[in-house]
Amino acid sequence: MDLIKKFRESISHWYLRYQVSTELYMVEPWEKVVMHVIFAVVFGLFWYFNYSVIVHAIAHIRDCPSQAYQML
C-alpha cells in the first residue's frame, strides 16, 4: 500500500505543478474544463502533424536518399 500511496502523491504533486505553471489553480471549474479541452485539441493537432507530415517526410527521405535534397 505504501507504493500506491507514493504513486498517488506523485501524481497529485505533478498535477499541482501543472495547475500552478498554467495558472489553472485560480480559475473556476468550467474554465479549467475549457482549458483542458483546448490543451487536448492542441496536443492532438501536434500529434497529427507529427504523425502525418514529419513521419511521412522521414520515411520518404529514408526510401530515396539520393533525392532527399529535393524535399528541402
PDB file of N, CA and C in Angstrom:
ATOM      1  N   MET A   1       0.807  -1.196   0.000  1.00  0.00           N
ATOM      2  CA  MET A   1       0.000   0.000   0.000  1.00  0.00           C
ATOM      3  C   MET A   1       0.851   1.262   0.000  1.00  0.00           C
ATOM      4  N   ASP A   2       2.036   1.148   0.512  1.00  0.00           N
ATOM      5  CA  ASP A   2       2.914   2.313   0.546  1.00  0.00           C
ATOM      6  C   ASP A   2       3.279   2.761  -0.869  1.00  0.00           C
ATOM      7  N   LEU A   3       3.448   1.810  -1.764  1.00  0.00           N
ATOM      8  CA  LEU A   3       3.776   2.131  -3.151  1.00  0.00           C
ATOM      9  C   LEU A   3       2.624   2.871  -3.824  1.00  0.00           C
ATOM     10  N   ILE A   4       1.402   2.427  -3.561  1.00  0.00           N
ATOM     11  CA  ILE A   4       0.233   3.095  -4.139  1.00  0.00           C
ATOM     12  C   ILE A   4       0.106   4.509  -3.588  1.00  0.00           C
ATOM     13  N   LYS A   5       0.359   4.664  -2.300  1.00  0.00           N
ATOM     14  CA  LYS A   5       0.280   5.991  -1.679  1.00  0.00           C
ATOM     15  C   LYS A   5       1.328   6.926  -2.279  1.00  0.00           C
ATOM     16  N   LYS A   6       2.539   6.438  -2.473  1.00  0.00           N
ATOM     17  CA  LYS A   6       3.589   7.257  -3.088  1.00  0.00           C
ATOM     18  C   LYS A   6       3.228   7.636  -4.519  1.00  0.00           C
ATOM     19  N   PHE A   7       2.650   6.686  -5.248  1.00  0.00           N
ATOM     20  CA  PHE A   7       2.245   6.954  -6.626  1.00  0.00           C
ATOM     21  C   PHE A   7       1.170   8.029  -6.670  1.00  0.00           C
ATOM     22  N   ARG A   8       0.173   7.925  -5.799  1.00  0.00           N
ATOM     23  CA  ARG A   8      -0.894   8.934  -5.756  1.00  0.00           C
ATOM     24  C   ARG A   8      -0.344  10.300  -5.363  1.00  0.00           C
ATOM     25  N   GLU A   9       0.575  10.342  -4.412  1.00  0.00           N
ATOM     26  CA  GLU A   9       1.178  11.613  -4.012  1.00  0.00           C
ATOM     27  C   GLU A   9       1.997  12.209  -5.146  1.00  0.00           C
ATOM     28  N   SER A  10       2.680  11.364  -5.887  1.00  0.00           N
ATOM     29  CA  SER A  10       3.466  11.843  -7.020  1.00  0.00           C
ATOM     30  C   SER A  10       2.565  12.429  -8.098  1.00  0.00           C
ATOM     31  N   ILE A  11       1.483  11.736  -8.418  1.00  0.00           N
ATOM     32  CA  ILE A  11       0.529  12.248  -9.407  1.00  0.00           C
ATOM     33  C   ILE A  11      -0.080  13.553  -8.918  1.00  0.00           C
ATOM     34  N   SER A  12      -0.441  13.600  -7.651  1.00  0.00           N
ATOM     35  CA  SER A  12      -1.013  14.821  -7.076  1.00  0.00           C
ATOM     36  C   SER A  12      -0.016  15.971  -7.143  1.00  0.00           C
ATOM     37  N   HIS A  13       1.234  15.683  -6.858  1.00  0.00           N
ATOM     38  CA  HIS A  13       2.277  16.711  -6.911  1.00  0.00           C
ATOM     39  C   HIS A  13       2.439  17.256  -8.326  1.00  0.00           C
ATOM     40  N   TRP A  14       2.508  16.365  -9.313  1.00  0.00           N
ATOM     41  CA  TRP A  14       2.693  16.813 -10.695  1.00  0.00           C
ATOM     42  C   TRP A  14       1.460  17.525 -11.235  1.00  0.00           C
ATOM     43  N   TYR A  15       0.276  17.116 -10.789  1.00  0.00           N
ATOM     44  CA  TYR A  15      -0.938  17.816 -11.203  1.00  0.00           C
ATOM     45  C   TYR A  15      -0.962  19.220 -10.607  1.00  0.00           C
ATOM     46  N   LEU A  16      -0.534  19.360  -9.358  1.00  0.00           N
ATOM     47  CA  LEU A  16      -0.441  20.689  -8.746  1.00  0.00           C
ATOM     48  C   LEU A  16       0.568  21.553  -9.490  1.00  0.00           C
ATOM     49  N   ARG A  17       1.699  20.992  -9.845  1.00  0.00           N
ATOM     50  CA  ARG A  17       2.692  21.757 -10.617  1.00  0.00           C
ATOM     51  C   ARG A  17       2.130  22.198 -11.961  1.00  0.00           C
ATOM     52  N   TYR A  18       1.366  21.314 -12.606  1.00  0.00           N
ATOM     53  CA  TYR A  18       0.727  21.646 -13.878  1.00  0.00           C
ATOM     54  C   TYR A  18      -0.247  22.801 -13.690  1.00  0.00           C
ATOM     55  N   GLN A  19      -1.049  22.748 -12.637  1.00  0.00           N
ATOM     56  CA  GLN A  19      -2.013  23.814 -12.396  1.00  0.00           C
ATOM     57  C   GLN A  19      -1.327  25.135 -12.070  1.00  0.00           C
ATOM     58  N   VAL A  20      -0.252  25.083 -11.319  1.00  0.00           N
ATOM     59  CA  VAL A  20       0.455  26.315 -10.966  1.00  0.00           C
ATOM     60  C   VAL A  20       1.160  26.899 -12.182  1.00  0.00           C
ATOM     61  N   SER A  21       1.786  26.071 -12.977  1.00  0.00           N
ATOM     62  CA  SER A  21       2.525  26.593 -14.136  1.00  0.00           C
ATOM     63  C   SER A  21       1.597  27.119 -15.219  1.00  0.00           C
ATOM     64  N   THR A  22       0.393  26.562 -15.325  1.00  0.00           N
ATOM     65  CA  THR A  22      -0.564  27.061 -16.310  1.00  0.00           C
ATOM     66  C   THR A  22      -1.553  28.045 -15.693  1.00  0.00           C
ATOM     67  N   GLU A  23      -1.399  28.300 -14.414  1.00  0.00           N
ATOM     68  CA  GLU A  23      -2.249  29.220 -13.644  1.00  0.00           C
ATOM     69  C   GLU A  23      -3.710  28.787 -13.633  1.00  0.00           C
ATOM     70  N   LEU A  24      -3.949  27.492 -13.693  1.00  0.00           N
ATOM     71  CA  LEU A  24      -5.311  26.970 -13.647  1.00  0.00           C
ATOM     72  C   LEU A  24      -5.831  26.806 -12.226  1.00  0.00           C
ATOM     73  N   TYR A  25      -4.977  26.974 -11.225  1.00  0.00           N
ATOM     74  CA  TYR A  25      -5.414  26.795  -9.848  1.00  0.00           C
ATOM     75  C   TYR A  25      -6.331  27.916  -9.387  1.00  0.00           C
ATOM     76  N   MET A  26      -6.361  29.036 -10.099  1.00  0.00           N
ATOM     77  CA  MET A  26      -7.153  30.174  -9.640  1.00  0.00           C
ATOM     78  C   MET A  26      -8.370  30.460 -10.513  1.00  0.00           C
ATOM     79  N   VAL A  27      -8.720  29.552 -11.404  1.00  0.00           N
ATOM     80  CA  VAL A  27      -9.888  29.768 -12.252  1.00  0.00           C
ATOM     81  C   VAL A  27     -11.027  28.861 -11.786  1.00  0.00           C
ATOM     82  N   GLU A  28     -12.200  29.139 -12.301  1.00  0.00           N
ATOM     83  CA  GLU A  28     -13.370  28.345 -11.926  1.00  0.00           C
ATOM     84  C   GLU A  28     -13.335  26.990 -12.632  1.00  0.00           C
ATOM     85  N   PRO A  29     -14.076  26.023 -12.090  1.00  0.00           N
ATOM     86  CA  PRO A  29     -14.039  24.669 -12.672  1.00  0.00           C
ATOM     87  C   PRO A  29     -14.415  24.615 -14.150  1.00  0.00           C
ATOM     88  N   TRP A  30     -15.393  25.391 -14.590  1.00  0.00           N
ATOM     89  CA  TRP A  30     -15.774  25.345 -16.002  1.00  0.00           C
ATOM     90  C   TRP A  30     -14.661  25.909 -16.878  1.00  0.00           C
ATOM     91  N   GLU A  31     -13.903  26.875 -16.355  1.00  0.00           N
ATOM     92  CA  GLU A  31     -12.776  27.418 -17.118  1.00  0.00           C
ATOM     93  C   GLU A  31     -11.646  26.392 -17.213  1.00  0.00           C
ATOM     94  N   LYS A  32     -11.457  25.609 -16.157  1.00  0.00           N
ATOM     95  CA  LYS A  32     -10.459  24.536 -16.205  1.00  0.00           C
ATOM     96  C   LYS A  32     -10.807  23.532 -17.296  1.00  0.00           C
ATOM     97  N   VAL A  33     -12.088  23.180 -17.373  1.00  0.00           N
ATOM     98  CA  VAL A  33     -12.524  22.215 -18.387  1.00  0.00           C
ATOM     99  C   VAL A  33     -12.253  22.762 -19.781  1.00  0.00           C
ATOM    100  N   VAL A  34     -12.571  24.030 -19.993  1.00  0.00           N
ATOM    101  CA  VAL A  34     -12.330  24.646 -21.305  1.00  0.00           C
ATOM    102  C   VAL A  34     -10.846  24.616 -21.636  1.00  0.00           C
ATOM    103  N   MET A  35     -10.008  24.971 -20.686  1.00  0.00           N
ATOM    104  CA  MET A  35      -8.562  24.973 -20.941  1.00  0.00           C
ATOM    105  C   MET A  35      -8.031  23.562 -21.174  1.00  0.00           C
ATOM    106  N   HIS A  36      -8.539  22.578 -20.431  1.00  0.00           N
ATOM    107  CA  HIS A  36      -8.119  21.191 -20.658  1.00  0.00           C
ATOM    108  C   HIS A  36      -8.504  20.734 -22.062  1.00  0.00           C
ATOM    109  N   VAL A  37      -9.689  21.118 -22.509  1.00  0.00           N
ATOM    110  CA  VAL A  37     -10.121  20.756 -23.864  1.00  0.00           C
ATOM    111  C   VAL A  37      -9.226  21.427 -24.897  1.00  0.00           C
ATOM    112  N   ILE A  38      -8.903  22.701 -24.684  1.00  0.00           N
ATOM    113  CA  ILE A  38      -8.019  23.413 -25.616  1.00  0.00           C
ATOM    114  C   ILE A  38      -6.645  22.754 -25.654  1.00  0.00           C
ATOM    115  N   PHE A  39      -6.090  22.424 -24.477  1.00  0.00           N
ATOM    116  CA  PHE A  39      -4.790  21.752 -24.434  1.00  0.00           C
ATOM    117  C   PHE A  39      -4.852  20.405 -25.149  1.00  0.00           C
ATOM    118  N   ALA A  40      -5.947  19.663 -24.960  1.00  0.00           N
ATOM    119  CA  ALA A  40      -6.080  18.356 -25.614  1.00  0.00           C
ATOM    120  C   ALA A  40      -6.166  18.509 -27.126  1.00  0.00           C
ATOM    121  N   VAL A  41      -6.895  19.512 -27.589  1.00  0.00           N
ATOM    122  CA  VAL A  41      -7.010  19.737 -29.036  1.00  0.00           C
ATOM    123  C   VAL A  41      -5.662  20.134 -29.621  1.00  0.00           C
ATOM    124  N   VAL A  42      -4.951  21.033 -28.952  1.00  0.00           N
ATOM    125  CA  VAL A  42      -3.630  21.455 -29.443  1.00  0.00           C
ATOM    126  C   VAL A  42      -2.670  20.269 -29.449  1.00  0.00           C
ATOM    127  N   PHE A  43      -2.682  19.472 -28.382  1.00  0.00           N
ATOM    128  CA  PHE A  43      -1.830  18.288 -28.333  1.00  0.00           C
ATOM    129  C   PHE A  43      -2.188  17.324 -29.457  1.00  0.00           C
ATOM    130  N   GLY A  44      -3.485  17.133 -29.685  1.00  0.00           N
ATOM    131  CA  GLY A  44      -3.925  16.256 -30.766  1.00  0.00           C
ATOM    132  C   GLY A  44      -3.488  16.758 -32.128  1.00  0.00           C
ATOM    133  N   LEU A  45      -3.568  18.066 -32.336  1.00  0.00           N
ATOM    134  CA  LEU A  45      -3.121  18.629 -33.615  1.00  0.00           C
ATOM    135  C   LEU A  45      -1.618  18.464 -33.795  1.00  0.00           C
ATOM    136  N   PHE A  46      -0.838  18.677 -32.744  1.00  0.00           N
ATOM    137  CA  PHE A  46       0.608  18.455 -32.833  1.00  0.00           C
ATOM    138  C   PHE A  46       0.907  16.992 -33.135  1.00  0.00           C
ATOM    139  N   TRP A  47       0.202  16.083 -32.462  1.00  0.00           N
ATOM    140  CA  TRP A  47       0.414  14.670 -32.704  1.00  0.00           C
ATOM    141  C   TRP A  47       0.069  14.317 -34.145  1.00  0.00           C
ATOM    142  N   TYR A  48      -1.048  14.811 -34.634  1.00  0.00           N
ATOM    143  CA  TYR A  48      -1.459  14.523 -36.009  1.00  0.00           C
ATOM    144  C   TYR A  48      -0.438  15.071 -37.006  1.00  0.00           C
ATOM    145  N   PHE A  49       0.038  16.300 -36.772  1.00  0.00           N
ATOM    146  CA  PHE A  49       1.038  16.885 -37.666  1.00  0.00           C
ATOM    147  C   PHE A  49       2.300  16.038 -37.681  1.00  0.00           C
ATOM    148  N   ASN A  50       2.782  15.662 -36.500  1.00  0.00           N
ATOM    149  CA  ASN A  50       3.992  14.847 -36.435  1.00  0.00           C
ATOM    150  C   ASN A  50       3.786  13.498 -37.100  1.00  0.00           C
ATOM    151  N   TYR A  51       2.636  12.897 -36.885  1.00  0.00           N
ATOM    152  CA  TYR A  51       2.387  11.576 -37.454  1.00  0.00           C
ATOM    153  C   TYR A  51       2.222  11.634 -38.965  1.00  0.00           C
ATOM    154  N   SER A  52       1.492  12.608 -39.456  1.00  0.00           N
ATOM    155  CA  SER A  52       1.174  12.620 -40.883  1.00  0.00           C
ATOM    156  C   SER A  52       2.239  13.304 -41.730  1.00  0.00           C
ATOM    157  N   VAL A  53       2.837  14.355 -41.249  1.00  0.00           N
ATOM    158  CA  VAL A  53       3.777  15.122 -42.069  1.00  0.00           C
ATOM    159  C   VAL A  53       5.219  14.719 -41.794  1.00  0.00           C
ATOM    160  N   ILE A  54       5.641  14.809 -40.559  1.00  0.00           N
ATOM    161  CA  ILE A  54       7.045  14.565 -40.217  1.00  0.00           C
ATOM    162  C   ILE A  54       7.425  13.105 -40.463  1.00  0.00           C
ATOM    163  N   VAL A  55       6.621  12.178 -39.979  1.00  0.00           N
ATOM    164  CA  VAL A  55       6.944  10.760 -40.156  1.00  0.00           C
ATOM    165  C   VAL A  55       6.939  10.394 -41.635  1.00  0.00           C
ATOM    166  N   HIS A  56       5.995  10.925 -42.388  1.00  0.00           N
ATOM    167  CA  HIS A  56       5.945  10.659 -43.830  1.00  0.00           C
ATOM    168  C   HIS A  56       7.186  11.230 -44.521  1.00  0.00           C
ATOM    169  N   ALA A  57       7.601  12.430 -44.138  1.00  0.00           N
ATOM    170  CA  ALA A  57       8.782  13.035 -44.754  1.00  0.00           C
ATOM    171  C   ALA A  57      10.043  12.244 -44.425  1.00  0.00           C
ATOM    172  N   ILE A  58      10.165  11.791 -43.193  1.00  0.00           N
ATOM    173  CA  ILE A  58      11.337  10.998 -42.811  1.00  0.00           C
ATOM    174  C   ILE A  58      11.343   9.672 -43.570  1.00  0.00           C
ATOM    175  N   ALA A  59      10.183   9.046 -43.697  1.00  0.00           N
ATOM    176  CA  ALA A  59      10.109   7.790 -44.451  1.00  0.00           C
ATOM    177  C   ALA A  59      10.465   8.021 -45.910  1.00  0.00           C
ATOM    178  N   HIS A  60      10.045   9.134 -46.462  1.00  0.00           N
ATOM    179  CA  HIS A  60      10.371   9.452 -47.853  1.00  0.00           C
ATOM    180  C   HIS A  60      11.877   9.681 -48.017  1.00  0.00           C
ATOM    181  N   ILE A  61      12.480  10.362 -47.074  1.00  0.00           N
ATOM    182  CA  ILE A  61      13.927  10.608 -47.136  1.00  0.00           C
ATOM    183  C   ILE A  61      14.686   9.288 -47.026  1.00  0.00           C
ATOM    184  N   ARG A  62      14.234   8.401 -46.152  1.00  0.00           N
ATOM    185  CA  ARG A  62      14.912   7.113 -45.997  1.00  0.00           C
ATOM    186  C   ARG A  62      14.765   6.235 -47.234  1.00  0.00           C
ATOM    187  N   ASP A  63      13.639   6.323 -47.917  1.00  0.00           N
ATOM    188  CA  ASP A  63      13.413   5.483 -49.098  1.00  0.00           C
ATOM    189  C   ASP A  63      14.252   5.916 -50.286  1.00  0.00           C
ATOM    190  N   CYS A  64      14.462   7.200 -50.446  1.00  0.00           N
ATOM    191  CA  CYS A  64      15.230   7.674 -51.601  1.00  0.00           C
ATOM    192  C   CYS A  64      16.230   8.741 -51.140  1.00  0.00           C
ATOM    193  N   PRO A  65      17.346   8.310 -50.559  1.00  0.00           N
ATOM    194  CA  PRO A  65      18.309   9.274 -50.021  1.00  0.00           C
ATOM    195  C   PRO A  65      18.972  10.132 -51.094  1.00  0.00           C
ATOM    196  N   SER A  66      19.031   9.663 -52.318  1.00  0.00           N
ATOM    197  CA  SER A  66      19.680  10.460 -53.360  1.00  0.00           C
ATOM    198  C   SER A  66      18.835  11.670 -53.745  1.00  0.00           C
ATOM    199  N   GLN A  67      17.532  11.633 -53.473  1.00  0.00           N
ATOM    200  CA  GLN A  67      16.657  12.747 -53.819  1.00  0.00           C
ATOM    201  C   GLN A  67      16.209  13.535 -52.589  1.00  0.00           C
ATOM    202  N   ALA A  68      16.855  13.324 -51.470  1.00  0.00           N
ATOM    203  CA  ALA A  68      16.447  13.987 -50.236  1.00  0.00           C
ATOM    204  C   ALA A  68      16.618  15.493 -50.325  1.00  0.00           C
ATOM    205  N   TYR A  69      17.588  15.951 -51.079  1.00  0.00           N
ATOM    206  CA  TYR A  69      17.808  17.392 -51.188  1.00  0.00           C
ATOM    207  C   TYR A  69      16.663  18.086 -51.911  1.00  0.00           C
ATOM    208  N   GLN A  70      15.889  17.370 -52.709  1.00  0.00           N
ATOM    209  CA  GLN A  70      14.785  17.981 -53.451  1.00  0.00           C
ATOM    210  C   GLN A  70      13.612  18.337 -52.544  1.00  0.00           C
ATOM    211  N   MET A  71      13.479  17.663 -51.422  1.00  0.00           N
ATOM    212  CA  MET A  71      12.389  17.980 -50.498  1.00  0.00           C
ATOM    213  C   MET A  71      12.626  19.307 -49.805  1.00  0.00           C
ATOM    214  N   LEU A  72      13.873  19.685 -49.682  1.00  0.00           N
ATOM    215  CA  LEU A  72      14.178  20.930 -48.975  1.00  0.00           C
ATOM    216  C   LEU A  72      14.015  22.055 -49.897  1.00  0.00           C
TER     217      LEU A  72
END
